[in-house]
């Protein structure tokens, strides 16, 4: 049996990795930080005082890893609140102030809980007549900007797993996703361009989706028209969707 020879440079790299792991200790929230998470932050959000919430976070959660811990400690409730209220400012804050790993966890933790909840909320907004295509697209754009290839694949998988009456909602969200991908492509996002290249010519690609869903675009336009109240009522009767988390 031959023994694998390890060079000195390989040993040095291994030692560097071990040293890095030792230094890379888990950050725990202090009692004051937990109090902010439990009391201050929910109070600020309830009152719509987003600037005060961000100010306290800036002062008390300086390290991006602390933001990671805050989100895990609260089970991502502040981020979910931002999605529910269409508050892109707060969503961007958390995305920009967490670690790279934390960004991906924002969308993939607990079997993609955040995206599943987003789909639920979109369905509810359609039923209530408060759906807005622009805001929905911008939220999906934020999701897709985080590890684009993996995140878009996960979003598409969630869409495919939904059936029944919710298919109408899914088709609308696919239009929003295409809009989001197009926006990222226009910003010269390298990963998005790779995604578009890989999916070129496929039926479920953004380019194919554009032709498949023209009727849904008209449907979405009607949803954005506050004058068509009778249309809202018909949608409310036909679209009933509760996604199992």
Protein backbone atom coordinates (compact mmCIF):
# COMPACT_ATOMS: atom_id res chain seq x y z
CA UNK A 1 0.00 0.00 0.00
CA UNK A 2 1.50 3.29 -1.07
CA UNK A 3 1.48 6.14 1.38
CA UNK A 4 0.40 9.52 0.08
CA UNK A 5 3.22 12.03 0.28
CA UNK A 6 2.22 15.40 1.65
CA UNK A 7 4.38 18.36 0.69
CA UNK A 8 5.40 21.03 3.18
CA UNK A 9 3.22 23.55 1.38
CA UNK A 10 0.22 21.24 1.78
CA UNK A 11 0.99 20.88 5.49
CA UNK A 12 1.18 24.65 5.83
CA UNK A 13 -2.17 25.00 4.10
CA UNK A 14 -3.66 22.41 6.46
CA UNK A 15 -2.29 24.24 9.48
CA UNK A 16 -3.68 27.51 8.16
CA UNK A 17 -7.10 25.89 7.81
CA UNK A 18 -6.93 24.50 11.37
CA UNK A 19 -5.86 27.89 12.71
CA UNK A 20 -8.67 29.56 10.79
CA UNK A 21 -11.23 27.14 12.22
CA UNK A 22 -10.00 27.82 15.75
CA UNK A 23 -10.25 31.55 15.25
CA UNK A 24 -13.63 31.31 13.54
CA UNK A 25 -15.60 30.85 16.77
CA UNK A 26 -19.36 31.00 16.92
CA UNK A 27 -20.69 34.38 17.99
CA UNK A 28 -23.28 34.41 20.76
CA UNK A 29 -25.71 37.28 21.29
CA UNK A 30 -25.32 39.23 24.52
CA UNK A 31 -28.26 39.76 26.89
CA UNK A 32 -28.61 43.33 25.62
CA UNK A 33 -28.66 42.14 22.00
CA UNK A 34 -31.31 39.54 22.86
CA UNK A 35 -33.39 42.25 24.54
CA UNK A 36 -33.18 44.34 21.38
CA UNK A 37 -34.24 41.32 19.32
CA UNK A 38 -37.12 40.44 21.66
CA UNK A 39 -38.45 43.90 22.55
CA UNK A 40 -36.96 46.89 20.71
CA UNK A 41 -36.92 45.56 17.16
CA UNK A 42 -40.52 44.23 17.14
CA UNK A 43 -41.70 47.52 18.67
CA UNK A 44 -39.93 49.62 16.03
CA UNK A 45 -41.31 47.48 13.21
CA UNK A 46 -44.85 47.56 14.59
CA UNK A 47 -44.69 51.36 14.67
CA UNK A 48 -43.07 51.55 11.24
CA UNK A 49 -39.92 53.20 12.63
CA UNK A 50 -37.52 51.51 10.23
CA UNK A 51 -34.80 54.15 10.54
CA UNK A 52 -34.68 53.73 14.33
CA UNK A 53 -34.53 49.96 13.93
CA UNK A 54 -31.60 50.23 11.52
CA UNK A 55 -29.84 52.77 13.75
CA UNK A 56 -29.98 50.45 16.76
CA UNK A 57 -28.80 47.54 14.63
CA UNK A 58 -25.89 49.65 13.34
CA UNK A 59 -24.83 50.46 16.90
CA UNK A 60 -25.39 47.12 18.61
CA UNK A 61 -24.77 44.59 15.80
CA UNK A 62 -21.55 45.76 14.19
CA UNK A 63 -20.19 42.38 13.06
CA UNK A 64 -22.08 40.77 10.13
CA UNK A 65 -21.97 37.50 12.08
CA UNK A 66 -24.02 39.20 14.79
CA UNK A 67 -26.70 39.98 12.20
CA UNK A 68 -26.58 36.29 11.23
CA UNK A 69 -27.16 35.33 14.85
CA UNK A 70 -29.92 37.92 15.25
CA UNK A 71 -31.83 36.49 12.29
CA UNK A 72 -31.40 32.91 13.51
CA UNK A 73 -32.38 33.89 17.07
CA UNK A 74 -35.59 35.53 15.85
CA UNK A 75 -36.29 32.76 13.33
CA UNK A 76 -35.94 35.40 10.58
CA UNK A 77 -39.05 37.27 11.74
CA UNK A 78 -37.68 40.79 10.95
CA UNK A 79 -36.90 39.69 7.39
CA UNK A 80 -40.31 38.04 7.04
CA UNK A 81 -41.91 41.25 8.34
CA UNK A 82 -40.12 43.19 5.61
CA UNK A 83 -41.43 40.77 2.97
CA UNK A 84 -44.97 40.91 4.32
CA UNK A 85 -44.99 44.72 4.25
CA UNK A 86 -43.11 44.99 0.94
CA UNK A 87 -40.34 46.92 2.72
CA UNK A 88 -37.43 46.60 0.30
CA UNK A 89 -35.34 49.01 2.38
CA UNK A 90 -35.25 46.65 5.37
CA UNK A 91 -34.77 43.57 3.20
CA UNK A 92 -31.76 45.18 1.53
CA UNK A 93 -30.40 46.18 4.94
CA UNK A 94 -30.30 42.60 6.20
CA UNK A 95 -28.91 41.27 2.91
CA UNK A 96 -26.16 43.91 2.84
CA UNK A 97 -25.20 43.56 6.51
CA UNK A 98 -24.99 39.78 6.88
CA UNK A 99 -22.24 37.37 5.84
CA UNK A 100 -22.19 35.53 2.50
CA UNK A 101 -23.34 32.40 4.29
CA UNK A 102 -25.98 34.42 6.10
CA UNK A 103 -27.32 35.80 2.82
CA UNK A 104 -27.91 32.33 1.46
CA UNK A 105 -29.50 31.18 4.73
CA UNK A 106 -31.97 34.04 4.38
CA UNK A 107 -33.60 32.18 1.52
CA UNK A 108 -32.70 28.51 2.08
CA UNK A 109 -33.03 27.94 5.85
CA UNK A 110 -35.68 25.50 7.06
CA UNK A 111 -36.43 24.16 3.58
CA UNK A 112 -36.77 27.61 2.01
CA UNK A 113 -39.24 28.88 4.60
CA UNK A 114 -38.85 32.52 3.54
CA UNK A 115 -39.63 31.87 -0.13
CA UNK A 116 -42.56 29.63 0.78
CA UNK A 117 -43.93 32.36 3.01
CA UNK A 118 -43.42 34.90 0.24
CA UNK A 119 -45.52 32.75 -2.11
CA UNK A 120 -48.24 32.53 0.56
CA UNK A 121 -48.23 36.29 1.05
CA UNK A 122 -48.40 36.93 -2.69
CA UNK A 123 -51.44 34.66 -2.94
CA UNK A 124 -53.07 36.54 -0.07
CA UNK A 125 -52.36 39.89 -1.72
CA UNK A 126 -53.91 38.68 -4.98
CA UNK A 127 -57.02 37.59 -3.10
CA UNK A 128 -57.26 40.95 -1.31
CA UNK A 129 -56.57 42.98 -4.44
CA UNK A 130 -53.39 44.49 -3.00
CA UNK A 131 -50.92 42.69 -5.30
CA UNK A 132 -48.33 44.95 -6.94
CA UNK A 133 -46.24 43.55 -9.75
CA UNK A 134 -43.33 45.97 -9.31
CA UNK A 135 -42.79 45.29 -5.60
CA UNK A 136 -43.21 41.53 -6.08
CA UNK A 137 -40.63 41.56 -8.87
CA UNK A 138 -38.17 43.59 -6.79
CA UNK A 139 -38.46 41.13 -3.89
CA UNK A 140 -37.77 38.20 -6.23
CA UNK A 141 -34.84 40.17 -7.66
CA UNK A 142 -33.37 40.46 -4.15
CA UNK A 143 -33.82 36.72 -3.64
CA UNK A 144 -32.30 35.87 -7.02
CA UNK A 145 -29.28 38.13 -6.40
CA UNK A 146 -28.24 35.80 -3.54
CA UNK A 147 -26.36 32.84 -5.04
CA UNK A 148 -28.38 33.29 -8.28
CA UNK A 149 -28.04 29.81 -9.80
CA UNK A 150 -28.98 27.93 -6.62
CA UNK A 151 -31.66 30.37 -5.52
CA UNK A 152 -33.46 30.56 -8.87
CA UNK A 153 -33.38 26.76 -9.12
CA UNK A 154 -34.92 26.54 -5.63
CA UNK A 155 -37.61 29.09 -6.48
CA UNK A 156 -38.51 27.23 -9.68
CA UNK A 157 -38.64 23.94 -7.76
CA UNK A 158 -41.06 25.48 -5.25
CA UNK A 159 -43.23 26.76 -8.09
CA UNK A 160 -43.30 23.29 -9.69
CA UNK A 161 -44.31 21.64 -6.40
CA UNK A 162 -47.47 23.75 -6.09
CA UNK A 163 -50.68 22.50 -7.62
CA UNK A 164 -54.42 22.98 -7.54
CA UNK A 165 -56.05 26.40 -7.61
CA UNK A 166 -52.71 28.02 -6.77
CA UNK A 167 -51.45 27.44 -10.32
CA UNK A 168 -52.83 30.86 -11.28
CA UNK A 169 -50.67 32.44 -8.56
CA UNK A 170 -47.64 30.44 -9.68
CA UNK A 171 -48.00 31.59 -13.29
CA UNK A 172 -48.10 35.20 -12.12
CA UNK A 173 -45.01 34.66 -9.96
CA UNK A 174 -43.19 33.11 -12.93
CA UNK A 175 -43.75 36.36 -14.82
CA UNK A 176 -42.35 38.26 -11.84
CA UNK A 177 -39.34 35.93 -11.73
CA UNK A 178 -38.67 36.52 -15.43
CA UNK A 179 -38.84 40.27 -14.83
CA UNK A 180 -36.40 39.90 -11.92
CA UNK A 181 -33.96 37.81 -13.97
CA UNK A 182 -34.13 40.34 -16.82
CA UNK A 183 -33.32 43.18 -14.43
CA UNK A 184 -30.31 41.32 -13.04
CA UNK A 185 -29.13 40.48 -16.57
CA UNK A 186 -29.31 44.17 -17.47
CA UNK A 187 -27.04 44.84 -14.48
CA UNK A 188 -24.47 42.48 -16.05
CA UNK A 189 -24.81 39.88 -13.31
CA UNK A 190 -22.39 37.13 -14.35
CA UNK A 191 -24.28 34.29 -12.66
CA UNK A 192 -27.57 35.38 -14.21
CA UNK A 193 -26.02 35.43 -17.67
CA UNK A 194 -24.75 31.90 -17.03
CA UNK A 195 -28.25 30.87 -15.96
CA UNK A 196 -29.78 32.34 -19.12
CA UNK A 197 -27.20 30.60 -21.29
CA UNK A 198 -27.81 27.22 -19.61
CA UNK A 199 -31.59 27.53 -19.99
CA UNK A 200 -31.63 28.91 -23.52
CA UNK A 201 -34.32 27.20 -25.57
CA UNK A 202 -35.90 25.34 -22.66
CA UNK A 203 -39.64 25.66 -22.07
CA UNK A 204 -39.17 26.74 -18.47
CA UNK A 205 -36.51 29.32 -19.28
CA UNK A 206 -37.24 33.03 -18.94
CA UNK A 207 -37.22 33.44 -22.73
CA UNK A 208 -39.71 30.58 -23.15
CA UNK A 209 -41.82 31.81 -20.28
CA UNK A 210 -42.35 35.15 -21.97
CA UNK A 211 -44.24 33.51 -24.85
CA UNK A 212 -46.06 30.97 -22.68
CA UNK A 213 -47.62 33.49 -20.34
CA UNK A 214 -48.92 36.37 -22.44
CA UNK A 215 -52.43 35.75 -21.14
CA UNK A 216 -51.06 35.85 -17.62
CA UNK A 217 -49.47 39.22 -18.32
CA UNK A 218 -52.91 40.53 -19.19
CA UNK A 219 -54.20 38.92 -16.02
CA UNK A 220 -51.45 40.64 -14.00
CA UNK A 221 -52.22 43.98 -15.62
CA UNK A 222 -55.83 43.63 -14.51
CA UNK A 223 -54.69 42.82 -10.99
CA UNK A 224 -52.74 46.06 -10.97
CA UNK A 225 -55.82 48.04 -12.00
CA UNK A 226 -57.63 49.31 -8.91
CA UNK A 227 -60.74 50.09 -11.01
CA UNK A 228 -61.66 46.47 -11.76
CA UNK A 229 -63.23 45.51 -8.42
CA UNK A 230 -65.42 42.80 -9.96
CA UNK A 231 -62.30 41.15 -11.34
CA UNK A 232 -60.80 41.13 -7.83
CA UNK A 233 -63.92 39.41 -6.52
CA UNK A 234 -63.70 36.71 -9.18
CA UNK A 235 -60.04 36.14 -8.33
CA UNK A 236 -60.88 35.92 -4.65
CA UNK A 237 -63.42 33.21 -5.34
CA UNK A 238 -61.19 31.19 -7.65
CA UNK A 239 -57.76 31.53 -6.01
CA UNK A 240 -57.46 29.97 -2.59
CA UNK A 241 -53.97 28.96 -1.57
CA UNK A 242 -52.36 27.89 1.68
CA UNK A 243 -48.88 26.44 1.17
CA UNK A 244 -47.68 23.86 3.68
CA UNK A 245 -44.41 24.97 5.28
